[in-house]
Amino acid sequence: MAYDEELDQRVADIVGLWGAVRRKMFGGTGYLINGNMLAGVHRNRLILRLGAADADAALQDSAVSPFDMTRKPMAGWVQVDPPGFAGEKLEEWLLKARTFVSSLPPK
């Protein structure tokens, strides 16, 4: 399945203002700030790097699940199904990811 290009453009419109760099990866796209990935699009889902504590909290949302491409979930990462990032919710999620990634040293 191809990735959701409309979602990808919505993400790009927001994170591009923050200086994020877009890269093709895992059959979709990823966005990096200072060399650290903060978000991406995989199929029709939003992928977010939130850090362990915020990822655990996010899993309380029914639209959120662990990001798991290899049957081993990535710690601190989640994926959000379309109802979870409708409208202004997308920017709210991306801001959470930006907050975490901004705390990391540049690569």
PDB file of N, CA and C in Angstrom:
ATOM      1  N   MET A   1       0.838  -1.183   0.000  1.00  0.00           N
ATOM      2  CA  MET A   1       0.000   0.000   0.000  1.00  0.00           C
ATOM      3  C   MET A   1       0.880   1.242   0.000  1.00  0.00           C
ATOM      4  N   ALA A   2       0.586   2.189  -0.831  1.00  0.00           N
ATOM      5  CA  ALA A   2       1.318   3.450  -0.874  1.00  0.00           C
ATOM      6  C   ALA A   2       0.971   4.287   0.350  1.00  0.00           C
ATOM      7  N   TYR A   3       1.816   5.259   0.627  1.00  0.00           N
ATOM      8  CA  TYR A   3       1.532   6.125   1.767  1.00  0.00           C
ATOM      9  C   TYR A   3       0.557   7.228   1.364  1.00  0.00           C
ATOM     10  N   ASP A   4      -0.090   7.812   2.358  1.00  0.00           N
ATOM     11  CA  ASP A   4      -1.105   8.846   2.153  1.00  0.00           C
ATOM     12  C   ASP A   4      -0.411  10.172   1.815  1.00  0.00           C
ATOM     13  N   GLU A   5      -0.416  10.526   0.552  1.00  0.00           N
ATOM     14  CA  GLU A   5       0.278  11.731   0.113  1.00  0.00           C
ATOM     15  C   GLU A   5      -0.405  13.004   0.608  1.00  0.00           C
ATOM     16  N   GLU A   6      -1.701  12.955   0.810  1.00  0.00           N
ATOM     17  CA  GLU A   6      -2.406  14.127   1.351  1.00  0.00           C
ATOM     18  C   GLU A   6      -1.976  14.380   2.798  1.00  0.00           C
ATOM     19  N   LEU A   7      -1.903  13.318   3.591  1.00  0.00           N
ATOM     20  CA  LEU A   7      -1.415  13.456   4.961  1.00  0.00           C
ATOM     21  C   LEU A   7       0.023  13.950   4.949  1.00  0.00           C
ATOM     22  N   ASP A   8       0.846  13.394   4.088  1.00  0.00           N
ATOM     23  CA  ASP A   8       2.236  13.806   3.984  1.00  0.00           C
ATOM     24  C   ASP A   8       2.341  15.299   3.707  1.00  0.00           C
ATOM     25  N   GLN A   9       1.503  15.814   2.834  1.00  0.00           N
ATOM     26  CA  GLN A   9       1.542  17.247   2.519  1.00  0.00           C
ATOM     27  C   GLN A   9       1.096  18.080   3.717  1.00  0.00           C
ATOM     28  N   ARG A  10       0.098  17.607   4.447  1.00  0.00           N
ATOM     29  CA  ARG A  10      -0.342  18.322   5.653  1.00  0.00           C
ATOM     30  C   ARG A  10       0.796  18.402   6.669  1.00  0.00           C
ATOM     31  N   VAL A  11       1.496  17.271   6.854  1.00  0.00           N
ATOM     32  CA  VAL A  11       2.630  17.248   7.780  1.00  0.00           C
ATOM     33  C   VAL A  11       3.712  18.201   7.279  1.00  0.00           C
ATOM     34  N   ALA A  12       4.039  18.125   6.005  1.00  0.00           N
ATOM     35  CA  ALA A  12       5.084  18.973   5.426  1.00  0.00           C
ATOM     36  C   ALA A  12       4.765  20.457   5.602  1.00  0.00           C
ATOM     37  N   ASP A  13       3.514  20.819   5.441  1.00  0.00           N
ATOM     38  CA  ASP A  13       3.114  22.223   5.578  1.00  0.00           C
ATOM     39  C   ASP A  13       3.380  22.747   6.987  1.00  0.00           C
ATOM     40  N   ILE A  14       3.243  21.879   7.977  1.00  0.00           N
ATOM     41  CA  ILE A  14       3.461  22.293   9.368  1.00  0.00           C
ATOM     42  C   ILE A  14       4.942  22.245   9.724  1.00  0.00           C
ATOM     43  N   VAL A  15       5.561  21.085   9.559  1.00  0.00           N
ATOM     44  CA  VAL A  15       6.939  20.922  10.028  1.00  0.00           C
ATOM     45  C   VAL A  15       7.962  21.638   9.147  1.00  0.00           C
ATOM     46  N   GLY A  16       7.583  21.931   7.926  1.00  0.00           N
ATOM     47  CA  GLY A  16       8.474  22.700   7.058  1.00  0.00           C
ATOM     48  C   GLY A  16       8.759  24.084   7.624  1.00  0.00           C
ATOM     49  N   LEU A  17       7.792  24.639   8.336  1.00  0.00           N
ATOM     50  CA  LEU A  17       7.975  25.950   8.971  1.00  0.00           C
ATOM     51  C   LEU A  17       8.997  25.888  10.099  1.00  0.00           C
ATOM     52  N   TRP A  18       9.255  24.691  10.600  1.00  0.00           N
ATOM     53  CA  TRP A  18      10.219  24.495  11.693  1.00  0.00           C
ATOM     54  C   TRP A  18      11.599  24.118  11.167  1.00  0.00           C
ATOM     55  N   GLY A  19      11.742  24.047   9.855  1.00  0.00           N
ATOM     56  CA  GLY A  19      13.022  23.672   9.268  1.00  0.00           C
ATOM     57  C   GLY A  19      13.245  22.176   9.149  1.00  0.00           C
ATOM     58  N   ALA A  20      12.186  21.391   9.266  1.00  0.00           N
ATOM     59  CA  ALA A  20      12.314  19.937   9.160  1.00  0.00           C
ATOM     60  C   ALA A  20      12.686  19.541   7.734  1.00  0.00           C
ATOM     61  N   VAL A  21      13.455  18.474   7.645  1.00  0.00           N
ATOM     62  CA  VAL A  21      13.902  17.930   6.364  1.00  0.00           C
ATOM     63  C   VAL A  21      13.105  16.654   6.099  1.00  0.00           C
ATOM     64  N   ARG A  22      12.592  16.521   4.879  1.00  0.00           N
ATOM     65  CA  ARG A  22      11.795  15.355   4.483  1.00  0.00           C
ATOM     66  C   ARG A  22      12.697  14.313   3.844  1.00  0.00           C
ATOM     67  N   ARG A  23      12.486  13.046   4.247  1.00  0.00           N
ATOM     68  CA  ARG A  23      13.217  11.934   3.650  1.00  0.00           C
ATOM     69  C   ARG A  23      12.253  10.792   3.371  1.00  0.00           C
ATOM     70  N   LYS A  24      12.466  10.116   2.257  1.00  0.00           N
ATOM     71  CA  LYS A  24      11.706   8.897   1.972  1.00  0.00           C
ATOM     72  C   LYS A  24      12.267   7.788   2.843  1.00  0.00           C
ATOM     73  N   MET A  25      11.391   7.055   3.508  1.00  0.00           N
ATOM     74  CA  MET A  25      11.823   5.928   4.335  1.00  0.00           C
ATOM     75  C   MET A  25      10.648   5.030   4.664  1.00  0.00           C
ATOM     76  N   PHE A  26      10.937   3.789   4.962  1.00  0.00           N
ATOM     77  CA  PHE A  26       9.981   2.739   5.305  1.00  0.00           C
ATOM     78  C   PHE A  26       8.701   2.771   4.465  1.00  0.00           C
ATOM     79  N   GLY A  27       8.856   2.988   3.171  1.00  0.00           N
ATOM     80  CA  GLY A  27       7.705   3.007   2.270  1.00  0.00           C
ATOM     81  C   GLY A  27       6.823   4.220   2.425  1.00  0.00           C
ATOM     82  N   GLY A  28       7.317   5.217   3.114  1.00  0.00           N
ATOM     83  CA  GLY A  28       6.579   6.459   3.340  1.00  0.00           C
ATOM     84  C   GLY A  28       7.570   7.600   3.413  1.00  0.00           C
ATOM     85  N   THR A  29       7.334   8.499   4.358  1.00  0.00           N
ATOM     86  CA  THR A  29       8.231   9.629   4.533  1.00  0.00           C
ATOM     87  C   THR A  29       8.546   9.815   6.007  1.00  0.00           C
ATOM     88  N   GLY A  30       9.652  10.465   6.247  1.00  0.00           N
ATOM     89  CA  GLY A  30      10.037  10.840   7.593  1.00  0.00           C
ATOM     90  C   GLY A  30      10.490  12.285   7.589  1.00  0.00           C
ATOM     91  N   TYR A  31      10.348  12.945   8.725  1.00  0.00           N
ATOM     92  CA  TYR A  31      10.746  14.343   8.867  1.00  0.00           C
ATOM     93  C   TYR A  31      11.721  14.456  10.018  1.00  0.00           C
ATOM     94  N   LEU A  32      12.841  15.133   9.761  1.00  0.00           N
ATOM     95  CA  LEU A  32      13.917  15.243  10.736  1.00  0.00           C
ATOM     96  C   LEU A  32      14.198  16.700  11.062  1.00  0.00           C
ATOM     97  N   ILE A  33      14.520  16.926  12.340  1.00  0.00           N
ATOM     98  CA  ILE A  33      14.997  18.229  12.797  1.00  0.00           C
ATOM     99  C   ILE A  33      16.343  17.977  13.464  1.00  0.00           C
ATOM    100  N   ASN A  34      17.358  18.707  13.008  1.00  0.00           N
ATOM    101  CA  ASN A  34      18.723  18.530  13.524  1.00  0.00           C
ATOM    102  C   ASN A  34      19.179  17.078  13.432  1.00  0.00           C
ATOM    103  N   GLY A  35      18.747  16.376  12.408  1.00  0.00           N
ATOM    104  CA  GLY A  35      19.150  15.000  12.189  1.00  0.00           C
ATOM    105  C   GLY A  35      18.359  13.965  12.962  1.00  0.00           C
ATOM    106  N   ASN A  36      17.427  14.396  13.796  1.00  0.00           N
ATOM    107  CA  ASN A  36      16.596  13.492  14.587  1.00  0.00           C
ATOM    108  C   ASN A  36      15.189  13.426  14.000  1.00  0.00           C
ATOM    109  N   MET A  37      14.713  12.220  13.780  1.00  0.00           N
ATOM    110  CA  MET A  37      13.378  12.072  13.221  1.00  0.00           C
ATOM    111  C   MET A  37      12.327  12.419  14.261  1.00  0.00           C
ATOM    112  N   LEU A  38      11.356  13.240  13.857  1.00  0.00           N
ATOM    113  CA  LEU A  38      10.273  13.592  14.763  1.00  0.00           C
ATOM    114  C   LEU A  38       8.942  13.002  14.340  1.00  0.00           C
ATOM    115  N   ALA A  39       8.735  12.808  13.055  1.00  0.00           N
ATOM    116  CA  ALA A  39       7.433  12.331  12.587  1.00  0.00           C
ATOM    117  C   ALA A  39       7.585  11.732  11.203  1.00  0.00           C
ATOM    118  N   GLY A  40       6.533  11.067  10.771  1.00  0.00           N
ATOM    119  CA  GLY A  40       6.518  10.508   9.439  1.00  0.00           C
ATOM    120  C   GLY A  40       5.132  10.038   9.061  1.00  0.00           C
ATOM    121  N   VAL A  41       5.035   9.556   7.854  1.00  0.00           N
ATOM    122  CA  VAL A  41       3.784   9.004   7.343  1.00  0.00           C
ATOM    123  C   VAL A  41       4.097   7.597   6.848  1.00  0.00           C
ATOM    124  N   HIS A  42       3.357   6.636   7.375  1.00  0.00           N
ATOM    125  CA  HIS A  42       3.483   5.248   6.958  1.00  0.00           C
ATOM    126  C   HIS A  42       2.079   4.762   6.618  1.00  0.00           C
ATOM    127  N   ARG A  43       1.884   4.395   5.357  1.00  0.00           N
ATOM    128  CA  ARG A  43       0.561   4.046   4.848  1.00  0.00           C
ATOM    129  C   ARG A  43      -0.386   5.219   5.098  1.00  0.00           C
ATOM    130  N   ASN A  44      -1.424   5.024   5.910  1.00  0.00           N
ATOM    131  CA  ASN A  44      -2.342   6.138   6.173  1.00  0.00           C
ATOM    132  C   ASN A  44      -2.233   6.605   7.617  1.00  0.00           C
ATOM    133  N   ARG A  45      -1.099   6.299   8.247  1.00  0.00           N
ATOM    134  CA  ARG A  45      -0.922   6.634   9.656  1.00  0.00           C
ATOM    135  C   ARG A  45       0.172   7.683   9.847  1.00  0.00           C
ATOM    136  N   LEU A  46      -0.014   8.445  10.905  1.00  0.00           N
ATOM    137  CA  LEU A  46       0.981   9.409  11.339  1.00  0.00           C
ATOM    138  C   LEU A  46       1.902   8.706  12.328  1.00  0.00           C
ATOM    139  N   ILE A  47       3.194   8.813  12.125  1.00  0.00           N
ATOM    140  CA  ILE A  47       4.197   8.226  13.012  1.00  0.00           C
ATOM    141  C   ILE A  47       4.822   9.360  13.802  1.00  0.00           C
ATOM    142  N   LEU A  48       4.953   9.173  15.119  1.00  0.00           N
ATOM    143  CA  LEU A  48       5.479  10.233  15.974  1.00  0.00           C
ATOM    144  C   LEU A  48       6.525   9.706  16.940  1.00  0.00           C
ATOM    145  N   ARG A  49       7.552  10.495  17.152  1.00  0.00           N
ATOM    146  CA  ARG A  49       8.558  10.197  18.179  1.00  0.00           C
ATOM    147  C   ARG A  49       8.275  11.123  19.356  1.00  0.00           C
ATOM    148  N   LEU A  50       7.784  10.542  20.444  1.00  0.00           N
ATOM    149  CA  LEU A  50       7.349  11.330  21.589  1.00  0.00           C
ATOM    150  C   LEU A  50       8.201  11.134  22.828  1.00  0.00           C
ATOM    151  N   GLY A  51       9.060  10.149  22.843  1.00  0.00           N
ATOM    152  CA  GLY A  51       9.773   9.801  24.057  1.00  0.00           C
ATOM    153  C   GLY A  51       8.924   8.853  24.884  1.00  0.00           C
ATOM    154  N   ALA A  52       9.558   8.127  25.785  1.00  0.00           N
ATOM    155  CA  ALA A  52       8.889   7.056  26.518  1.00  0.00           C
ATOM    156  C   ALA A  52       7.661   7.523  27.300  1.00  0.00           C
ATOM    157  N   ALA A  53       7.785   8.551  28.103  1.00  0.00           N
ATOM    158  CA  ALA A  53       6.670   8.979  28.958  1.00  0.00           C
ATOM    159  C   ALA A  53       5.483   9.468  28.138  1.00  0.00           C
ATOM    160  N   ASP A  54       5.730  10.337  27.162  1.00  0.00           N
ATOM    161  CA  ASP A  54       4.623  10.869  26.363  1.00  0.00           C
ATOM    162  C   ASP A  54       4.026   9.811  25.450  1.00  0.00           C
ATOM    163  N   ALA A  55       4.845   8.874  24.980  1.00  0.00           N
ATOM    164  CA  ALA A  55       4.311   7.783  24.156  1.00  0.00           C
ATOM    165  C   ALA A  55       3.380   6.912  24.990  1.00  0.00           C
ATOM    166  N   ASP A  56       3.780   6.598  26.210  1.00  0.00           N
ATOM    167  CA  ASP A  56       2.915   5.804  27.090  1.00  0.00           C
ATOM    168  C   ASP A  56       1.599   6.518  27.347  1.00  0.00           C
ATOM    169  N   ALA A  57       1.655   7.808  27.593  1.00  0.00           N
ATOM    170  CA  ALA A  57       0.427   8.587  27.824  1.00  0.00           C
ATOM    171  C   ALA A  57      -0.439   8.616  26.572  1.00  0.00           C
ATOM    172  N   ALA A  58       0.191   8.756  25.411  1.00  0.00           N
ATOM    173  CA  ALA A  58      -0.562   8.825  24.152  1.00  0.00           C
ATOM    174  C   ALA A  58      -1.314   7.533  23.869  1.00  0.00           C
ATOM    175  N   LEU A  59      -0.788   6.415  24.355  1.00  0.00           N
ATOM    176  CA  LEU A  59      -1.430   5.118  24.103  1.00  0.00           C
ATOM    177  C   LEU A  59      -2.799   4.995  24.773  1.00  0.00           C
ATOM    178  N   GLN A  60      -3.141   5.944  25.624  1.00  0.00           N
ATOM    179  CA  GLN A  60      -4.476   5.947  26.231  1.00  0.00           C
ATOM    180  C   GLN A  60      -5.543   6.368  25.212  1.00  0.00           C
ATOM    181  N   ASP A  61      -5.131   7.008  24.141  1.00  0.00           N
ATOM    182  CA  ASP A  61      -6.035   7.440  23.063  1.00  0.00           C
ATOM    183  C   ASP A  61      -6.327   6.232  22.182  1.00  0.00           C
ATOM    184  N   SER A  62      -7.589   5.979  21.898  1.00  0.00           N
ATOM    185  CA  SER A  62      -7.981   4.799  21.116  1.00  0.00           C
ATOM    186  C   SER A  62      -7.467   4.823  19.675  1.00  0.00           C
ATOM    187  N   ALA A  63      -7.063   5.988  19.180  1.00  0.00           N
ATOM    188  CA  ALA A  63      -6.542   6.094  17.814  1.00  0.00           C
ATOM    189  C   ALA A  63      -5.036   5.866  17.751  1.00  0.00           C
ATOM    190  N   VAL A  64      -4.413   5.645  18.899  1.00  0.00           N
ATOM    191  CA  VAL A  64      -2.956   5.534  18.982  1.00  0.00           C
ATOM    192  C   VAL A  64      -2.551   4.112  19.331  1.00  0.00           C
ATOM    193  N   SER A  65      -1.495   3.638  18.681  1.00  0.00           N
ATOM    194  CA  SER A  65      -0.935   2.319  18.980  1.00  0.00           C
ATOM    195  C   SER A  65       0.588   2.408  18.886  1.00  0.00           C
ATOM    196  N   PRO A  66       1.295   1.431  19.433  1.00  0.00           N
ATOM    197  CA  PRO A  66       2.759   1.447  19.315  1.00  0.00           C
ATOM    198  C   PRO A  66       3.177   1.377  17.837  1.00  0.00           C
ATOM    199  N   PHE A  67       4.261   2.030  17.506  1.00  0.00           N
ATOM    200  CA  PHE A  67       4.789   1.954  16.147  1.00  0.00           C
ATOM    201  C   PHE A  67       5.589   0.670  16.054  1.00  0.00           C
ATOM    202  N   ASP A  68       5.100  -0.232  15.224  1.00  0.00           N
ATOM    203  CA  ASP A  68       5.661  -1.574  15.166  1.00  0.00           C
ATOM    204  C   ASP A  68       5.672  -2.064  13.724  1.00  0.00           C
ATOM    205  N   MET A  69       6.831  -1.981  13.085  1.00  0.00           N
ATOM    206  CA  MET A  69       6.950  -2.467  11.712  1.00  0.00           C
ATOM    207  C   MET A  69       7.556  -3.864  11.660  1.00  0.00           C
ATOM    208  N   THR A  70       8.209  -4.272  12.740  1.00  0.00           N
ATOM    209  CA  THR A  70       8.972  -5.521  12.724  1.00  0.00           C
ATOM    210  C   THR A  70       8.567  -6.477  13.843  1.00  0.00           C
ATOM    211  N   ARG A  71       7.409  -6.289  14.396  1.00  0.00           N
ATOM    212  CA  ARG A  71       6.916  -7.077  15.536  1.00  0.00           C
ATOM    213  C   ARG A  71       7.698  -6.805  16.813  1.00  0.00           C
ATOM    214  N   LYS A  72       8.413  -5.711  16.805  1.00  0.00           N
ATOM    215  CA  LYS A  72       9.108  -5.249  18.000  1.00  0.00           C
ATOM    216  C   LYS A  72       8.882  -3.737  18.065  1.00  0.00           C
ATOM    217  N   PRO A  73       7.884  -3.293  18.850  1.00  0.00           N
ATOM    218  CA  PRO A  73       7.568  -1.860  18.897  1.00  0.00           C
ATOM    219  C   PRO A  73       8.784  -1.006  19.234  1.00  0.00           C
ATOM    220  N   MET A  74       8.864   0.142  18.603  1.00  0.00           N
ATOM    221  CA  MET A  74       9.956   1.071  18.854  1.00  0.00           C
ATOM    222  C   MET A  74       9.624   1.887  20.099  1.00  0.00           C
ATOM    223  N   ALA A  75      10.480   1.831  21.094  1.00  0.00           N
ATOM    224  CA  ALA A  75      10.260   2.561  22.344  1.00  0.00           C
ATOM    225  C   ALA A  75      10.179   4.059  22.075  1.00  0.00           C
ATOM    226  N   GLY A  76       9.180   4.700  22.657  1.00  0.00           N
ATOM    227  CA  GLY A  76       9.039   6.143  22.524  1.00  0.00           C
ATOM    228  C   GLY A  76       8.352   6.603  21.252  1.00  0.00           C
ATOM    229  N   TRP A  77       7.935   5.656  20.420  1.00  0.00           N
ATOM    230  CA  TRP A  77       7.286   5.963  19.149  1.00  0.00           C
ATOM    231  C   TRP A  77       5.854   5.450  19.161  1.00  0.00           C
ATOM    232  N   VAL A  78       4.962   6.169  18.477  1.00  0.00           N
ATOM    233  CA  VAL A  78       3.578   5.726  18.324  1.00  0.00           C
ATOM    234  C   VAL A  78       3.133   5.962  16.888  1.00  0.00           C
ATOM    235  N   GLN A  79       2.027   5.321  16.536  1.00  0.00           N
ATOM    236  CA  GLN A  79       1.379   5.611  15.260  1.00  0.00           C
ATOM    237  C   GLN A  79      -0.058   5.993  15.565  1.00  0.00           C
ATOM    238  N   VAL A  80      -0.576   6.936  14.803  1.00  0.00           N
ATOM    239  CA  VAL A  80      -1.908   7.469  15.030  1.00  0.00           C
ATOM    240  C   VAL A  80      -2.757   7.191  13.795  1.00  0.00           C
ATOM    241  N   ASP A  81      -3.916   6.579  14.017  1.00  0.00           N
ATOM    242  CA  ASP A  81      -4.857   6.309  12.929  1.00  0.00           C
ATOM    243  C   ASP A  81      -5.567   7.602  12.523  1.00  0.00           C
ATOM    244  N   PRO A  82      -6.101   7.677  11.298  1.00  0.00           N
ATOM    245  CA  PRO A  82      -6.687   8.907  10.779  1.00  0.00           C
ATOM    246  C   PRO A  82      -7.653   9.662  11.701  1.00  0.00           C
ATOM    247  N   PRO A  83      -8.560   9.017  12.412  1.00  0.00           N
ATOM    248  CA  PRO A  83      -9.441   9.825  13.274  1.00  0.00           C
ATOM    249  C   PRO A  83      -8.675  10.601  14.347  1.00  0.00           C
ATOM    250  N   GLY A  84      -7.517  10.118  14.710  1.00  0.00           N
ATOM    251  CA  GLY A  84      -6.727  10.752  15.765  1.00  0.00           C
ATOM    252  C   GLY A  84      -5.982  11.998  15.348  1.00  0.00           C
ATOM    253  N   PHE A  85      -5.855  12.257  14.051  1.00  0.00           N
ATOM    254  CA  PHE A  85      -5.154  13.468  13.613  1.00  0.00           C
ATOM    255  C   PHE A  85      -6.004  14.340  12.698  1.00  0.00           C
ATOM    256  N   ALA A  86      -7.311  14.194  12.818  1.00  0.00           N
ATOM    257  CA  ALA A  86      -8.231  15.021  12.024  1.00  0.00           C
ATOM    258  C   ALA A  86      -8.122  16.490  12.437  1.00  0.00           C
ATOM    259  N   GLY A  87      -8.272  17.366  11.470  1.00  0.00           N
ATOM    260  CA  GLY A  87      -8.299  18.804  11.752  1.00  0.00           C
ATOM    261  C   GLY A  87      -7.054  19.292  12.467  1.00  0.00           C
ATOM    262  N   GLU A  88      -7.281  20.076  13.524  1.00  0.00           N
ATOM    263  CA  GLU A  88      -6.181  20.694  14.265  1.00  0.00           C
ATOM    264  C   GLU A  88      -5.404  19.708  15.132  1.00  0.00           C
ATOM    265  N   LYS A  89      -5.927  18.502  15.291  1.00  0.00           N
ATOM    266  CA  LYS A  89      -5.222  17.497  16.101  1.00  0.00           C
ATOM    267  C   LYS A  89      -3.854  17.178  15.512  1.00  0.00           C
ATOM    268  N   LEU A  90      -3.713  17.278  14.191  1.00  0.00           N
ATOM    269  CA  LEU A  90      -2.432  16.969  13.557  1.00  0.00           C
ATOM    270  C   LEU A  90      -1.335  17.868  14.107  1.00  0.00           C
ATOM    271  N   GLU A  91      -1.578  19.154  14.136  1.00  0.00           N
ATOM    272  CA  GLU A  91      -0.551  20.073  14.621  1.00  0.00           C
ATOM    273  C   GLU A  91      -0.267  19.839  16.104  1.00  0.00           C
ATOM    274  N   GLU A  92      -1.271  19.498  16.889  1.00  0.00           N
ATOM    275  CA  GLU A  92      -1.061  19.219  18.307  1.00  0.00           C
ATOM    276  C   GLU A  92      -0.103  18.045  18.483  1.00  0.00           C
ATOM    277  N   TRP A  93      -0.304  16.979  17.705  1.00  0.00           N
ATOM    278  CA  TRP A  93       0.587  15.818  17.778  1.00  0.00           C
ATOM    279  C   TRP A  93       2.000  16.202  17.358  1.00  0.00           C
ATOM    280  N   LEU A  94       2.103  16.927  16.266  1.00  0.00           N
ATOM    281  CA  LEU A  94       3.421  17.294  15.756  1.00  0.00           C
ATOM    282  C   LEU A  94       4.170  18.192  16.733  1.00  0.00           C
ATOM    283  N   LEU A  95       3.454  19.057  17.431  1.00  0.00           N
ATOM    284  CA  LEU A  95       4.090  19.900  18.444  1.00  0.00           C
ATOM    285  C   LEU A  95       4.645  19.063  19.596  1.00  0.00           C
ATOM    286  N   LYS A  96       3.926  18.016  19.976  1.00  0.00           N
ATOM    287  CA  LYS A  96       4.425  17.123  21.033  1.00  0.00           C
ATOM    288  C   LYS A  96       5.721  16.450  20.583  1.00  0.00           C
ATOM    289  N   ALA A  97       5.741  16.001  19.334  1.00  0.00           N
ATOM    290  CA  ALA A  97       6.949  15.368  18.807  1.00  0.00           C
ATOM    291  C   ALA A  97       8.093  16.374  18.725  1.00  0.00           C
ATOM    292  N   ARG A  98       7.790  17.575  18.302  1.00  0.00           N
ATOM    293  CA  ARG A  98       8.829  18.612  18.210  1.00  0.00           C
ATOM    294  C   ARG A  98       9.415  18.918  19.584  1.00  0.00           C
ATOM    295  N   THR A  99       8.579  18.972  20.595  1.00  0.00           N
ATOM    296  CA  THR A  99       9.063  19.242  21.947  1.00  0.00           C
ATOM    297  C   THR A  99      10.069  18.181  22.371  1.00  0.00           C
ATOM    298  N   PHE A 100       9.734  16.913  22.125  1.00  0.00           N
ATOM    299  CA  PHE A 100      10.665  15.852  22.508  1.00  0.00           C
ATOM    300  C   PHE A 100      11.946  15.911  21.687  1.00  0.00           C
ATOM    301  N   VAL A 101      11.832  15.978  20.384  1.00  0.00           N
ATOM    302  CA  VAL A 101      13.001  15.932  19.513  1.00  0.00           C
ATOM    303  C   VAL A 101      13.905  17.148  19.741  1.00  0.00           C
ATOM    304  N   SER A 102      13.319  18.258  20.112  1.00  0.00           N
ATOM    305  CA  SER A 102      14.132  19.447  20.391  1.00  0.00           C
ATOM    306  C   SER A 102      15.006  19.278  21.628  1.00  0.00           C
ATOM    307  N   SER A 103      14.643  18.308  22.472  1.00  0.00           N
ATOM    308  CA  SER A 103      15.442  18.053  23.671  1.00  0.00           C
ATOM    309  C   SER A 103      16.650  17.146  23.386  1.00  0.00           C
ATOM    310  N   LEU A 104      16.734  16.613  22.187  1.00  0.00           N
ATOM    311  CA  LEU A 104      17.812  15.692  21.826  1.00  0.00           C
ATOM    312  C   LEU A 104      18.998  16.459  21.229  1.00  0.00           C
ATOM    313  N   PRO A 105      20.212  15.931  21.416  1.00  0.00           N
ATOM    314  CA  PRO A 105      21.367  16.590  20.782  1.00  0.00           C
ATOM    315  C   PRO A 105      21.305  16.410  19.268  1.00  0.00           C
ATOM    316  N   PRO A 106      21.780  17.394  18.514  1.00  0.00           N
ATOM    317  CA  PRO A 106      21.806  17.261  17.047  1.00  0.00           C
ATOM    318  C   PRO A 106      22.685  16.080  16.632  1.00  0.00           C
ATOM    319  N   LYS A 107      22.342  15.500  15.486  1.00  0.00           N
ATOM    320  CA  LYS A 107      23.153  14.396  14.931  1.00  0.00           C
ATOM    321  C   LYS A 107      24.007  14.943  13.813  1.00  0.00           C
TER     322      LYS A 107
END
